[in-house]
Amino acid sequence: MRILGLDYGEKRIGVAICDELGLTAQGLPTIIRKTKKHDWEILAGLIKNYNVEKIVIGYPVRLDGSEGIQCEKVNRFATIMNKTFSLSIIKWPETLSTKEAEEILINSGMHWKKRKKTVDKLAACIILQGYLDSLGPKNIN
């Protein structure tokens, strides 16, 4: 089973996919948001090309565990995704995943211009890998 990981944002959507064994997350090109139709066409293509059966989307709860404005936006997006693709959508807590991704890229010495293009993809990998790790070895159902 292939699982798609998303780091939802209003300007960009970071994307990752797991390997066929469900062990590791690999980044895919970030979706630069243009129109709803454009975004849904790209997601539909990814779902079809990778035979995706489940989607994990980062759920940006606050540090105290409460839901904020961004959670409402993710909820709306997840609801539309579920209706559009009829797939299981898992909202995975992702507090500070983008900050963690940014720190990894800074520590690697990456120039800020390249970091801006890579951070969402890495955040999606962090989200998806966290979910995969929670499932335990070879148990992705």
N, C-alpha and C. Protein backbone atom coordinates (compact mmCIF):
# COMPACT_ATOMS: atom_id res chain seq x y z
N MET A 1 0.84 -1.18 0.00
CA MET A 1 0.00 0.00 0.00
C MET A 1 0.89 1.24 0.00
N ARG A 2 0.55 2.18 -0.84
CA ARG A 2 1.30 3.45 -0.89
C ARG A 2 0.48 4.51 -0.15
N ILE A 3 1.18 5.30 0.64
CA ILE A 3 0.57 6.36 1.41
C ILE A 3 1.18 7.68 0.98
N LEU A 4 0.32 8.65 0.73
CA LEU A 4 0.76 9.99 0.34
C LEU A 4 0.76 10.87 1.58
N GLY A 5 1.82 11.63 1.76
CA GLY A 5 1.90 12.57 2.88
C GLY A 5 1.85 13.99 2.37
N LEU A 6 1.09 14.84 3.04
CA LEU A 6 0.94 16.23 2.61
C LEU A 6 1.21 17.20 3.75
N ASP A 7 1.93 18.26 3.42
CA ASP A 7 2.10 19.40 4.31
C ASP A 7 1.32 20.53 3.67
N TYR A 8 0.08 20.71 4.12
CA TYR A 8 -0.85 21.66 3.51
C TYR A 8 -0.48 23.10 3.84
N GLY A 9 -0.48 23.93 2.82
CA GLY A 9 -0.28 25.36 2.99
C GLY A 9 -1.10 26.12 1.97
N GLU A 10 -1.30 27.38 2.21
CA GLU A 10 -2.12 28.18 1.30
C GLU A 10 -1.41 28.52 0.00
N LYS A 11 -0.08 28.54 0.02
CA LYS A 11 0.69 28.85 -1.19
C LYS A 11 1.33 27.62 -1.80
N ARG A 12 1.69 26.65 -0.94
CA ARG A 12 2.37 25.44 -1.40
C ARG A 12 1.86 24.24 -0.61
N ILE A 13 1.92 23.07 -1.25
CA ILE A 13 1.61 21.82 -0.57
C ILE A 13 2.83 20.92 -0.71
N GLY A 14 3.48 20.64 0.42
CA GLY A 14 4.59 19.70 0.40
C GLY A 14 4.05 18.29 0.22
N VAL A 15 4.77 17.47 -0.55
CA VAL A 15 4.27 16.14 -0.88
C VAL A 15 5.36 15.09 -0.65
N ALA A 16 4.95 13.97 -0.08
CA ALA A 16 5.85 12.83 0.10
C ALA A 16 5.07 11.55 -0.16
N ILE A 17 5.77 10.49 -0.50
CA ILE A 17 5.16 9.18 -0.74
C ILE A 17 5.99 8.13 -0.01
N CYS A 18 5.33 7.11 0.49
CA CYS A 18 6.09 6.05 1.15
C CYS A 18 6.49 5.00 0.11
N ASP A 19 7.51 4.22 0.46
CA ASP A 19 7.90 3.11 -0.41
C ASP A 19 6.81 2.03 -0.35
N GLU A 20 6.93 1.03 -1.19
CA GLU A 20 5.88 0.01 -1.28
C GLU A 20 5.77 -0.84 -0.03
N LEU A 21 6.81 -0.87 0.80
CA LEU A 21 6.75 -1.62 2.05
C LEU A 21 6.23 -0.79 3.21
N GLY A 22 6.06 0.51 2.98
CA GLY A 22 5.56 1.39 4.03
C GLY A 22 6.58 1.68 5.11
N LEU A 23 7.86 1.69 4.73
CA LEU A 23 8.91 1.90 5.72
C LEU A 23 9.48 3.31 5.71
N THR A 24 9.63 3.89 4.52
CA THR A 24 10.28 5.19 4.42
C THR A 24 9.48 6.17 3.56
N ALA A 25 9.63 7.44 3.89
CA ALA A 25 8.98 8.51 3.13
C ALA A 25 10.02 9.18 2.24
N GLN A 26 9.63 9.43 0.99
CA GLN A 26 10.49 10.16 0.06
C GLN A 26 9.71 11.37 -0.45
N GLY A 27 10.41 12.48 -0.58
CA GLY A 27 9.78 13.70 -1.05
C GLY A 27 9.48 13.67 -2.53
N LEU A 28 8.39 14.31 -2.89
CA LEU A 28 8.00 14.53 -4.28
C LEU A 28 7.99 16.04 -4.51
N PRO A 29 7.93 16.46 -5.76
CA PRO A 29 7.91 17.92 -6.00
C PRO A 29 6.75 18.61 -5.28
N THR A 30 7.06 19.75 -4.72
CA THR A 30 6.06 20.56 -4.02
C THR A 30 5.05 21.10 -5.01
N ILE A 31 3.80 21.10 -4.61
CA ILE A 31 2.73 21.67 -5.44
C ILE A 31 2.67 23.17 -5.15
N ILE A 32 2.93 23.97 -6.18
CA ILE A 32 2.78 25.42 -6.06
C ILE A 32 1.32 25.71 -6.38
N ARG A 33 0.59 26.19 -5.41
CA ARG A 33 -0.85 26.36 -5.57
C ARG A 33 -1.15 27.51 -6.54
N LYS A 34 -2.04 27.23 -7.48
CA LYS A 34 -2.44 28.25 -8.46
C LYS A 34 -3.95 28.41 -8.41
N THR A 35 -4.67 27.36 -8.80
CA THR A 35 -6.13 27.36 -8.72
C THR A 35 -6.55 26.04 -8.09
N LYS A 36 -7.77 26.00 -7.60
CA LYS A 36 -8.26 24.74 -7.00
C LYS A 36 -8.23 23.62 -8.03
N LYS A 37 -8.64 23.93 -9.26
CA LYS A 37 -8.65 22.91 -10.31
C LYS A 37 -7.22 22.39 -10.55
N HIS A 38 -6.27 23.27 -10.63
CA HIS A 38 -4.86 22.90 -10.83
C HIS A 38 -4.39 21.98 -9.71
N ASP A 39 -4.66 22.39 -8.45
CA ASP A 39 -4.22 21.61 -7.29
C ASP A 39 -4.84 20.22 -7.30
N TRP A 40 -6.13 20.13 -7.56
CA TRP A 40 -6.82 18.82 -7.55
C TRP A 40 -6.34 17.93 -8.70
N GLU A 41 -6.04 18.52 -9.84
CA GLU A 41 -5.53 17.72 -10.96
C GLU A 41 -4.17 17.11 -10.62
N ILE A 42 -3.31 17.88 -9.99
CA ILE A 42 -2.00 17.35 -9.60
C ILE A 42 -2.16 16.25 -8.56
N LEU A 43 -2.99 16.48 -7.55
CA LEU A 43 -3.20 15.45 -6.54
C LEU A 43 -3.81 14.19 -7.14
N ALA A 44 -4.77 14.36 -8.05
CA ALA A 44 -5.38 13.20 -8.70
C ALA A 44 -4.34 12.40 -9.49
N GLY A 45 -3.45 13.10 -10.17
CA GLY A 45 -2.38 12.44 -10.93
C GLY A 45 -1.45 11.66 -10.01
N LEU A 46 -1.07 12.25 -8.89
CA LEU A 46 -0.19 11.56 -7.93
C LEU A 46 -0.88 10.32 -7.37
N ILE A 47 -2.14 10.45 -7.00
CA ILE A 47 -2.89 9.33 -6.44
C ILE A 47 -2.98 8.19 -7.44
N LYS A 48 -3.23 8.52 -8.69
CA LYS A 48 -3.31 7.49 -9.73
C LYS A 48 -1.94 6.89 -10.03
N ASN A 49 -0.93 7.73 -10.24
CA ASN A 49 0.39 7.24 -10.63
C ASN A 49 1.05 6.37 -9.57
N TYR A 50 0.80 6.68 -8.30
CA TYR A 50 1.43 5.92 -7.21
C TYR A 50 0.48 4.90 -6.58
N ASN A 51 -0.73 4.78 -7.13
CA ASN A 51 -1.71 3.84 -6.61
C ASN A 51 -1.91 4.04 -5.10
N VAL A 52 -2.14 5.30 -4.72
CA VAL A 52 -2.28 5.69 -3.32
C VAL A 52 -3.58 5.13 -2.75
N GLU A 53 -3.47 4.59 -1.54
CA GLU A 53 -4.65 4.05 -0.86
C GLU A 53 -5.01 4.83 0.40
N LYS A 54 -4.10 5.69 0.84
CA LYS A 54 -4.33 6.44 2.07
C LYS A 54 -3.54 7.75 1.99
N ILE A 55 -4.08 8.80 2.63
CA ILE A 55 -3.40 10.09 2.64
C ILE A 55 -3.23 10.53 4.10
N VAL A 56 -2.02 10.95 4.43
CA VAL A 56 -1.72 11.51 5.74
C VAL A 56 -1.45 12.99 5.54
N ILE A 57 -2.23 13.81 6.21
CA ILE A 57 -2.06 15.25 6.08
C ILE A 57 -1.67 15.82 7.44
N GLY A 58 -0.69 16.70 7.42
CA GLY A 58 -0.24 17.32 8.65
C GLY A 58 -1.35 18.14 9.28
N TYR A 59 -1.53 17.94 10.59
CA TYR A 59 -2.58 18.64 11.33
C TYR A 59 -1.90 19.57 12.34
N PRO A 60 -1.93 20.87 12.07
CA PRO A 60 -1.13 21.83 12.84
C PRO A 60 -1.75 22.27 14.17
N VAL A 61 -1.82 21.33 15.12
CA VAL A 61 -2.33 21.71 16.44
C VAL A 61 -1.32 22.62 17.13
N ARG A 62 -1.80 23.43 18.03
CA ARG A 62 -0.93 24.33 18.79
C ARG A 62 -0.11 23.52 19.78
N LEU A 63 0.90 24.16 20.34
CA LEU A 63 1.77 23.47 21.30
C LEU A 63 1.00 22.94 22.51
N ASP A 64 -0.11 23.60 22.86
CA ASP A 64 -0.91 23.12 24.00
C ASP A 64 -1.92 22.05 23.58
N GLY A 65 -1.91 21.67 22.30
CA GLY A 65 -2.80 20.62 21.80
C GLY A 65 -4.13 21.12 21.27
N SER A 66 -4.40 22.41 21.41
CA SER A 66 -5.67 22.95 20.92
C SER A 66 -5.59 23.20 19.41
N GLU A 67 -6.78 23.29 18.81
CA GLU A 67 -6.87 23.54 17.37
C GLU A 67 -7.00 25.03 17.12
N GLY A 68 -6.32 25.49 16.07
CA GLY A 68 -6.38 26.90 15.69
C GLY A 68 -7.00 27.07 14.32
N ILE A 69 -6.81 28.25 13.76
CA ILE A 69 -7.36 28.60 12.45
C ILE A 69 -6.83 27.67 11.37
N GLN A 70 -5.55 27.35 11.41
CA GLN A 70 -4.97 26.47 10.39
C GLN A 70 -5.62 25.09 10.40
N CYS A 71 -6.01 24.60 11.59
CA CYS A 71 -6.68 23.30 11.67
C CYS A 71 -8.01 23.34 10.92
N GLU A 72 -8.73 24.46 11.02
CA GLU A 72 -9.99 24.60 10.30
C GLU A 72 -9.76 24.50 8.80
N LYS A 73 -8.69 25.13 8.32
CA LYS A 73 -8.37 25.08 6.89
C LYS A 73 -8.01 23.66 6.46
N VAL A 74 -7.21 22.98 7.27
CA VAL A 74 -6.84 21.59 6.96
C VAL A 74 -8.09 20.71 6.98
N ASN A 75 -8.98 20.93 7.94
CA ASN A 75 -10.21 20.14 8.01
C ASN A 75 -11.05 20.30 6.74
N ARG A 76 -11.19 21.53 6.26
CA ARG A 76 -11.95 21.77 5.03
C ARG A 76 -11.28 21.06 3.85
N PHE A 77 -9.97 21.21 3.75
CA PHE A 77 -9.22 20.58 2.66
C PHE A 77 -9.35 19.06 2.72
N ALA A 78 -9.21 18.49 3.92
CA ALA A 78 -9.31 17.03 4.10
C ALA A 78 -10.70 16.52 3.74
N THR A 79 -11.74 17.28 4.10
CA THR A 79 -13.11 16.87 3.79
C THR A 79 -13.32 16.83 2.28
N ILE A 80 -12.85 17.85 1.59
CA ILE A 80 -12.98 17.89 0.13
C ILE A 80 -12.16 16.76 -0.50
N MET A 81 -10.96 16.51 0.03
CA MET A 81 -10.12 15.44 -0.48
C MET A 81 -10.80 14.09 -0.33
N ASN A 82 -11.42 13.87 0.83
CA ASN A 82 -12.10 12.61 1.08
C ASN A 82 -13.27 12.42 0.11
N LYS A 83 -14.04 13.47 -0.12
CA LYS A 83 -15.18 13.40 -1.04
C LYS A 83 -14.71 13.22 -2.48
N THR A 84 -13.62 13.87 -2.83
CA THR A 84 -13.12 13.83 -4.20
C THR A 84 -12.48 12.49 -4.55
N PHE A 85 -11.68 11.95 -3.62
CA PHE A 85 -10.88 10.76 -3.94
C PHE A 85 -11.35 9.49 -3.24
N SER A 86 -12.29 9.60 -2.31
CA SER A 86 -12.81 8.44 -1.57
C SER A 86 -11.69 7.60 -0.97
N LEU A 87 -10.73 8.28 -0.36
CA LEU A 87 -9.62 7.60 0.31
C LEU A 87 -9.64 7.93 1.80
N SER A 88 -9.03 7.06 2.58
CA SER A 88 -8.88 7.32 4.00
C SER A 88 -7.92 8.51 4.18
N ILE A 89 -8.35 9.48 4.96
CA ILE A 89 -7.52 10.67 5.23
C ILE A 89 -7.19 10.66 6.72
N ILE A 90 -5.91 10.63 7.02
CA ILE A 90 -5.46 10.66 8.41
C ILE A 90 -4.86 12.03 8.68
N LYS A 91 -5.37 12.70 9.72
CA LYS A 91 -4.81 13.98 10.14
C LYS A 91 -3.76 13.67 11.20
N TRP A 92 -2.50 13.96 10.87
CA TRP A 92 -1.39 13.61 11.75
C TRP A 92 -0.82 14.88 12.40
N PRO A 93 -0.73 14.90 13.73
CA PRO A 93 -0.19 16.08 14.41
C PRO A 93 1.19 16.45 13.86
N GLU A 94 1.34 17.69 13.46
CA GLU A 94 2.60 18.09 12.81
C GLU A 94 3.16 19.38 13.37
N THR A 95 2.86 19.63 14.62
CA THR A 95 3.35 20.85 15.24
C THR A 95 4.86 20.98 15.05
N LEU A 96 5.25 22.08 14.48
CA LEU A 96 6.65 22.44 14.26
C LEU A 96 7.38 21.59 13.21
N SER A 97 6.67 20.85 12.37
CA SER A 97 7.36 20.05 11.34
C SER A 97 8.08 20.95 10.34
N THR A 98 7.49 22.08 9.98
CA THR A 98 8.15 22.99 9.05
C THR A 98 9.38 23.60 9.71
N LYS A 99 9.27 23.94 10.98
CA LYS A 99 10.43 24.47 11.71
C LYS A 99 11.54 23.42 11.79
N GLU A 100 11.17 22.18 12.06
CA GLU A 100 12.15 21.09 12.10
C GLU A 100 12.82 20.92 10.74
N ALA A 101 12.03 20.97 9.68
CA ALA A 101 12.58 20.85 8.32
C ALA A 101 13.53 22.01 8.04
N GLU A 102 13.14 23.20 8.42
CA GLU A 102 13.98 24.39 8.21
C GLU A 102 15.32 24.24 8.94
N GLU A 103 15.28 23.77 10.17
CA GLU A 103 16.51 23.58 10.95
C GLU A 103 17.42 22.54 10.32
N ILE A 104 16.84 21.46 9.82
CA ILE A 104 17.64 20.43 9.15
C ILE A 104 18.35 21.02 7.94
N LEU A 105 17.62 21.81 7.17
CA LEU A 105 18.19 22.40 5.96
C LEU A 105 19.25 23.45 6.30
N ILE A 106 19.02 24.24 7.34
CA ILE A 106 20.02 25.22 7.76
C ILE A 106 21.29 24.51 8.21
N ASN A 107 21.12 23.46 9.02
CA ASN A 107 22.28 22.71 9.52
C ASN A 107 23.05 22.00 8.40
N SER A 108 22.36 21.74 7.29
CA SER A 108 23.04 21.11 6.16
C SER A 108 23.82 22.13 5.33
N GLY A 109 23.64 23.41 5.65
CA GLY A 109 24.36 24.45 4.93
C GLY A 109 23.67 24.91 3.65
N MET A 110 22.43 24.55 3.46
CA MET A 110 21.71 24.91 2.24
C MET A 110 21.42 26.41 2.21
N HIS A 111 21.63 27.03 1.06
CA HIS A 111 21.35 28.45 0.85
C HIS A 111 19.85 28.70 1.04
N TRP A 112 19.50 29.88 1.56
CA TRP A 112 18.11 30.18 1.89
C TRP A 112 17.16 30.09 0.70
N LYS A 113 17.63 30.44 -0.51
CA LYS A 113 16.76 30.36 -1.70
C LYS A 113 16.39 28.92 -2.00
N LYS A 114 17.35 28.02 -1.88
CA LYS A 114 17.07 26.60 -2.12
C LYS A 114 16.24 26.01 -0.99
N ARG A 115 16.47 26.48 0.24
CA ARG A 115 15.68 26.01 1.39
C ARG A 115 14.21 26.30 1.19
N LYS A 116 13.91 27.48 0.67
CA LYS A 116 12.52 27.88 0.46
C LYS A 116 11.81 26.92 -0.49
N LYS A 117 12.55 26.39 -1.46
CA LYS A 117 11.97 25.47 -2.44
C LYS A 117 11.88 24.04 -1.91
N THR A 118 12.60 23.74 -0.84
CA THR A 118 12.72 22.37 -0.35
C THR A 118 11.99 22.12 0.96
N VAL A 119 11.75 23.16 1.74
CA VAL A 119 11.25 23.00 3.11
C VAL A 119 9.90 22.29 3.17
N ASP A 120 8.98 22.57 2.26
CA ASP A 120 7.65 21.95 2.30
C ASP A 120 7.72 20.45 2.01
N LYS A 121 8.58 20.09 1.05
CA LYS A 121 8.77 18.68 0.73
C LYS A 121 9.34 17.92 1.93
N LEU A 122 10.32 18.51 2.59
CA LEU A 122 10.92 17.86 3.75
C LEU A 122 9.92 17.78 4.90
N ALA A 123 9.11 18.82 5.09
CA ALA A 123 8.08 18.79 6.13
C ALA A 123 7.09 17.66 5.86
N ALA A 124 6.71 17.46 4.59
CA ALA A 124 5.80 16.36 4.23
C ALA A 124 6.45 15.01 4.55
N CYS A 125 7.74 14.90 4.30
CA CYS A 125 8.47 13.66 4.64
C CYS A 125 8.46 13.42 6.15
N ILE A 126 8.68 14.47 6.92
CA ILE A 126 8.69 14.35 8.38
C ILE A 126 7.32 13.90 8.88
N ILE A 127 6.28 14.49 8.34
CA ILE A 127 4.90 14.12 8.72
C ILE A 127 4.64 12.66 8.39
N LEU A 128 4.90 12.28 7.14
CA LEU A 128 4.63 10.91 6.71
C LEU A 128 5.50 9.91 7.46
N GLN A 129 6.77 10.22 7.65
CA GLN A 129 7.66 9.28 8.35
C GLN A 129 7.21 9.11 9.80
N GLY A 130 6.74 10.16 10.43
CA GLY A 130 6.22 10.06 11.79
C GLY A 130 5.04 9.11 11.85
N TYR A 131 4.16 9.21 10.87
CA TYR A 131 3.01 8.30 10.81
C TYR A 131 3.47 6.86 10.59
N LEU A 132 4.36 6.66 9.62
CA LEU A 132 4.85 5.31 9.32
C LEU A 132 5.53 4.69 10.55
N ASP A 133 6.34 5.47 11.24
CA ASP A 133 7.04 4.97 12.42
C ASP A 133 6.06 4.56 13.52
N SER A 134 4.93 5.26 13.60
CA SER A 134 3.94 4.95 14.64
C SER A 134 3.26 3.61 14.39
N LEU A 135 3.30 3.14 13.15
CA LEU A 135 2.62 1.90 12.81
C LEU A 135 3.41 0.67 13.21
N GLY A 136 4.69 0.86 13.43
CA GLY A 136 5.54 -0.29 13.76
C GLY A 136 6.01 -0.95 12.48
N PRO A 137 6.88 -1.95 12.60
CA PRO A 137 7.47 -2.60 11.42
C PRO A 137 6.42 -3.33 10.56
N LYS A 138 6.43 -2.99 9.29
CA LYS A 138 5.65 -3.66 8.25
C LYS A 138 4.18 -3.86 8.61
N ASN A 139 3.59 -2.85 9.22
CA ASN A 139 2.17 -2.93 9.57
C ASN A 139 1.50 -1.63 9.15
N ILE A 140 1.26 -1.47 7.85
CA ILE A 140 0.73 -0.20 7.36
C ILE A 140 -0.78 -0.21 7.19
N ASN A 141 -1.46 -1.20 7.67
CA ASN A 141 -2.92 -1.21 7.56
C ASN A 141 -3.59 -0.58 8.74
